[in-house]
Amino acid sequence: MATSKVDDFGRVLIPKPIRDRFGLEPGTRVKLVEEAGRIALEAEDDDAHLEVRDGILVHVAERVTGDVTNIIEKVREERIRQILGMDES
């Protein structure tokens, strides 16, 4: 559990490990939700969706969070293994 203070301008700092875990980057819009006497933050949906472009399924989003390079490399390696018949399935 992390704690923070409300500053003179009404701002609350979300600790970096929590921001990183939830993909909250500068400019990320959040909703404040009241739940059972508590305040919860929810990242707003950025209308991310999938669409087909030139026969390829593409993820379309305003922003992407996480280690995209690592994800792309992992998917690429899995495809190569499947093509070469080296997949474990």
N, C-alpha and C. Protein backbone atom coordinates (compact mmCIF):
# COMPACT_ATOMS: atom_id res chain seq x y z
N MET A 1 0.85 -1.18 0.00
CA MET A 1 0.00 0.00 0.00
C MET A 1 0.89 1.24 0.00
N ALA A 2 0.57 2.17 -0.84
CA ALA A 2 1.31 3.42 -0.94
C ALA A 2 0.44 4.56 -0.42
N THR A 3 1.08 5.58 0.10
CA THR A 3 0.33 6.76 0.54
C THR A 3 0.88 7.98 -0.17
N SER A 4 0.03 9.00 -0.26
CA SER A 4 0.41 10.25 -0.91
C SER A 4 -0.40 11.36 -0.24
N LYS A 5 -0.02 12.60 -0.48
CA LYS A 5 -0.75 13.75 0.08
C LYS A 5 -1.38 14.56 -1.03
N VAL A 6 -2.46 15.23 -0.72
CA VAL A 6 -3.07 16.20 -1.63
C VAL A 6 -2.29 17.50 -1.45
N ASP A 7 -1.75 18.07 -2.54
CA ASP A 7 -0.98 19.31 -2.40
C ASP A 7 -1.91 20.52 -2.39
N ASP A 8 -1.34 21.71 -2.33
CA ASP A 8 -2.12 22.95 -2.23
C ASP A 8 -3.01 23.20 -3.45
N PHE A 9 -2.71 22.54 -4.56
CA PHE A 9 -3.49 22.71 -5.78
C PHE A 9 -4.49 21.58 -5.98
N GLY A 10 -4.60 20.65 -5.01
CA GLY A 10 -5.54 19.54 -5.09
C GLY A 10 -5.00 18.35 -5.86
N ARG A 11 -3.71 18.34 -6.16
CA ARG A 11 -3.11 17.24 -6.92
C ARG A 11 -2.63 16.15 -5.97
N VAL A 12 -2.68 14.91 -6.49
CA VAL A 12 -2.18 13.76 -5.75
C VAL A 12 -1.16 13.05 -6.62
N LEU A 13 0.02 12.79 -6.09
CA LEU A 13 1.06 12.09 -6.83
C LEU A 13 0.82 10.59 -6.73
N ILE A 14 0.77 9.93 -7.88
CA ILE A 14 0.67 8.47 -7.91
C ILE A 14 2.11 7.96 -8.02
N PRO A 15 2.56 7.14 -7.07
CA PRO A 15 3.95 6.67 -7.09
C PRO A 15 4.30 5.97 -8.41
N LYS A 16 5.54 6.16 -8.85
CA LYS A 16 6.00 5.64 -10.14
C LYS A 16 5.76 4.14 -10.32
N PRO A 17 6.06 3.29 -9.33
CA PRO A 17 5.80 1.86 -9.56
C PRO A 17 4.34 1.56 -9.89
N ILE A 18 3.42 2.29 -9.30
CA ILE A 18 1.99 2.10 -9.58
C ILE A 18 1.66 2.64 -10.97
N ARG A 19 2.19 3.83 -11.31
CA ARG A 19 1.97 4.38 -12.66
C ARG A 19 2.48 3.42 -13.72
N ASP A 20 3.67 2.86 -13.49
CA ASP A 20 4.26 1.93 -14.46
C ASP A 20 3.41 0.66 -14.58
N ARG A 21 2.95 0.13 -13.47
CA ARG A 21 2.17 -1.12 -13.48
C ARG A 21 0.87 -0.95 -14.26
N PHE A 22 0.26 0.24 -14.20
CA PHE A 22 -1.01 0.48 -14.86
C PHE A 22 -0.87 1.25 -16.17
N GLY A 23 0.37 1.51 -16.59
CA GLY A 23 0.59 2.18 -17.87
C GLY A 23 0.14 3.63 -17.87
N LEU A 24 0.21 4.30 -16.72
CA LEU A 24 -0.20 5.70 -16.63
C LEU A 24 0.99 6.59 -16.97
N GLU A 25 0.91 7.24 -18.11
CA GLU A 25 1.97 8.12 -18.57
C GLU A 25 1.47 9.56 -18.54
N PRO A 26 2.37 10.55 -18.60
CA PRO A 26 1.91 11.93 -18.63
C PRO A 26 0.88 12.13 -19.74
N GLY A 27 -0.22 12.75 -19.40
CA GLY A 27 -1.28 12.99 -20.37
C GLY A 27 -2.38 11.94 -20.35
N THR A 28 -2.17 10.82 -19.64
CA THR A 28 -3.21 9.80 -19.56
C THR A 28 -4.40 10.38 -18.81
N ARG A 29 -5.58 10.27 -19.41
CA ARG A 29 -6.79 10.76 -18.75
C ARG A 29 -7.32 9.66 -17.85
N VAL A 30 -7.75 10.05 -16.66
CA VAL A 30 -8.31 9.09 -15.70
C VAL A 30 -9.68 9.57 -15.24
N LYS A 31 -10.52 8.60 -14.90
CA LYS A 31 -11.84 8.91 -14.34
C LYS A 31 -11.75 8.69 -12.84
N LEU A 32 -12.41 9.57 -12.09
CA LEU A 32 -12.53 9.39 -10.64
C LEU A 32 -13.88 8.75 -10.37
N VAL A 33 -13.86 7.62 -9.69
CA VAL A 33 -15.08 6.87 -9.44
C VAL A 33 -15.26 6.71 -7.94
N GLU A 34 -16.43 7.08 -7.45
CA GLU A 34 -16.73 6.89 -6.02
C GLU A 34 -17.29 5.49 -5.83
N GLU A 35 -16.69 4.74 -4.90
CA GLU A 35 -17.13 3.38 -4.61
C GLU A 35 -17.13 3.16 -3.11
N ALA A 36 -18.29 2.92 -2.55
CA ALA A 36 -18.42 2.57 -1.13
C ALA A 36 -17.57 3.46 -0.24
N GLY A 37 -17.69 4.77 -0.42
CA GLY A 37 -16.96 5.71 0.43
C GLY A 37 -15.49 5.86 0.08
N ARG A 38 -15.08 5.34 -1.06
CA ARG A 38 -13.68 5.45 -1.51
C ARG A 38 -13.64 6.12 -2.88
N ILE A 39 -12.48 6.61 -3.23
CA ILE A 39 -12.26 7.19 -4.56
C ILE A 39 -11.34 6.24 -5.32
N ALA A 40 -11.75 5.83 -6.50
CA ALA A 40 -10.93 4.96 -7.35
C ALA A 40 -10.61 5.70 -8.64
N LEU A 41 -9.45 5.44 -9.19
CA LEU A 41 -9.05 6.00 -10.49
C LEU A 41 -9.16 4.90 -11.54
N GLU A 42 -9.68 5.26 -12.71
CA GLU A 42 -9.73 4.33 -13.83
C GLU A 42 -9.18 5.06 -15.04
N ALA A 43 -8.25 4.42 -15.74
CA ALA A 43 -7.75 5.01 -16.98
C ALA A 43 -8.90 5.03 -17.98
N GLU A 44 -9.07 6.15 -18.68
CA GLU A 44 -10.13 6.24 -19.67
C GLU A 44 -9.79 5.38 -20.87
N ASP A 45 -10.79 4.77 -21.45
CA ASP A 45 -10.61 3.96 -22.65
C ASP A 45 -10.26 4.89 -23.79
N ASP A 46 -9.23 4.55 -24.54
CA ASP A 46 -8.79 5.41 -25.64
C ASP A 46 -9.34 4.95 -26.99
N ASP A 47 -10.45 4.22 -26.98
CA ASP A 47 -11.08 3.72 -28.20
C ASP A 47 -10.15 2.80 -28.98
N ALA A 48 -9.31 2.05 -28.27
CA ALA A 48 -8.45 1.08 -28.94
C ALA A 48 -9.32 0.01 -29.58
N HIS A 49 -8.92 -0.42 -30.77
CA HIS A 49 -9.69 -1.45 -31.46
C HIS A 49 -8.80 -2.17 -32.47
N LEU A 50 -9.33 -3.26 -33.00
CA LEU A 50 -8.63 -4.01 -34.04
C LEU A 50 -9.31 -3.75 -35.37
N GLU A 51 -8.51 -3.64 -36.42
CA GLU A 51 -9.09 -3.51 -37.76
C GLU A 51 -8.15 -4.19 -38.75
N VAL A 52 -8.71 -4.57 -39.88
CA VAL A 52 -7.92 -5.23 -40.91
C VAL A 52 -7.43 -4.18 -41.90
N ARG A 53 -6.11 -4.17 -42.12
CA ARG A 53 -5.49 -3.27 -43.08
C ARG A 53 -4.63 -4.10 -44.03
N ASP A 54 -4.95 -4.04 -45.30
CA ASP A 54 -4.22 -4.82 -46.30
C ASP A 54 -4.14 -6.30 -45.92
N GLY A 55 -5.24 -6.83 -45.36
CA GLY A 55 -5.29 -8.24 -45.00
C GLY A 55 -4.60 -8.60 -43.71
N ILE A 56 -4.14 -7.61 -42.95
CA ILE A 56 -3.43 -7.85 -41.70
C ILE A 56 -4.23 -7.24 -40.56
N LEU A 57 -4.42 -8.00 -39.47
CA LEU A 57 -5.12 -7.50 -38.30
C LEU A 57 -4.20 -6.55 -37.54
N VAL A 58 -4.66 -5.31 -37.33
CA VAL A 58 -3.83 -4.27 -36.72
C VAL A 58 -4.53 -3.72 -35.49
N HIS A 59 -3.76 -3.53 -34.40
CA HIS A 59 -4.27 -2.89 -33.19
C HIS A 59 -4.12 -1.39 -33.37
N VAL A 60 -5.23 -0.66 -33.27
CA VAL A 60 -5.23 0.78 -33.46
C VAL A 60 -5.55 1.44 -32.12
N ALA A 61 -4.66 2.31 -31.66
CA ALA A 61 -4.86 2.99 -30.39
C ALA A 61 -4.14 4.33 -30.42
N GLU A 62 -4.62 5.24 -29.58
CA GLU A 62 -3.99 6.55 -29.49
C GLU A 62 -2.62 6.44 -28.84
N ARG A 63 -2.52 5.57 -27.85
CA ARG A 63 -1.24 5.37 -27.17
C ARG A 63 -1.08 3.90 -26.86
N VAL A 64 0.15 3.47 -26.75
CA VAL A 64 0.45 2.08 -26.43
C VAL A 64 1.31 2.08 -25.18
N THR A 65 0.99 1.18 -24.27
CA THR A 65 1.78 1.07 -23.05
C THR A 65 2.45 -0.28 -23.00
N GLY A 66 3.47 -0.38 -22.21
CA GLY A 66 4.19 -1.63 -22.08
C GLY A 66 5.41 -1.66 -22.98
N ASP A 67 6.12 -2.76 -22.94
CA ASP A 67 7.33 -2.93 -23.72
C ASP A 67 6.96 -3.47 -25.09
N VAL A 68 6.60 -2.59 -26.00
CA VAL A 68 6.12 -2.97 -27.32
C VAL A 68 7.20 -3.73 -28.09
N THR A 69 8.44 -3.29 -28.01
CA THR A 69 9.53 -3.94 -28.73
C THR A 69 9.64 -5.40 -28.31
N ASN A 70 9.56 -5.67 -27.02
CA ASN A 70 9.65 -7.03 -26.51
C ASN A 70 8.46 -7.87 -26.99
N ILE A 71 7.27 -7.30 -26.98
CA ILE A 71 6.08 -8.01 -27.43
C ILE A 71 6.21 -8.36 -28.91
N ILE A 72 6.63 -7.42 -29.74
CA ILE A 72 6.78 -7.66 -31.17
C ILE A 72 7.81 -8.76 -31.41
N GLU A 73 8.93 -8.70 -30.72
CA GLU A 73 9.98 -9.71 -30.89
C GLU A 73 9.48 -11.10 -30.49
N LYS A 74 8.73 -11.19 -29.41
CA LYS A 74 8.20 -12.48 -28.97
C LYS A 74 7.23 -13.06 -30.00
N VAL A 75 6.32 -12.22 -30.51
CA VAL A 75 5.36 -12.69 -31.52
C VAL A 75 6.10 -13.10 -32.80
N ARG A 76 7.10 -12.32 -33.18
CA ARG A 76 7.88 -12.65 -34.38
C ARG A 76 8.56 -14.00 -34.24
N GLU A 77 9.17 -14.24 -33.07
CA GLU A 77 9.85 -15.52 -32.83
C GLU A 77 8.86 -16.68 -32.87
N GLU A 78 7.67 -16.49 -32.28
CA GLU A 78 6.65 -17.54 -32.30
C GLU A 78 6.23 -17.86 -33.74
N ARG A 79 6.04 -16.84 -34.57
CA ARG A 79 5.65 -17.06 -35.97
C ARG A 79 6.74 -17.80 -36.73
N ILE A 80 7.99 -17.43 -36.52
CA ILE A 80 9.10 -18.10 -37.20
C ILE A 80 9.14 -19.57 -36.81
N ARG A 81 8.97 -19.85 -35.51
CA ARG A 81 8.98 -21.25 -35.05
C ARG A 81 7.83 -22.03 -35.68
N GLN A 82 6.66 -21.41 -35.81
CA GLN A 82 5.53 -22.09 -36.44
C GLN A 82 5.81 -22.38 -37.90
N ILE A 83 6.35 -21.40 -38.60
CA ILE A 83 6.63 -21.56 -40.03
C ILE A 83 7.66 -22.68 -40.24
N LEU A 84 8.66 -22.75 -39.37
CA LEU A 84 9.70 -23.77 -39.51
C LEU A 84 9.29 -25.11 -38.92
N GLY A 85 8.07 -25.17 -38.35
CA GLY A 85 7.61 -26.42 -37.75
C GLY A 85 8.27 -26.73 -36.43
N MET A 86 8.76 -25.71 -35.76
CA MET A 86 9.48 -25.90 -34.49
C MET A 86 8.62 -25.57 -33.27
N ASP A 87 7.35 -25.24 -33.49
CA ASP A 87 6.50 -24.88 -32.36
C ASP A 87 6.23 -26.12 -31.50
N GLU A 88 6.02 -25.87 -30.20
CA GLU A 88 5.87 -26.96 -29.24
C GLU A 88 4.44 -27.48 -29.16
N SER A 89 3.50 -26.90 -29.92
CA SER A 89 2.11 -27.36 -29.83
C SER A 89 1.83 -28.53 -30.74
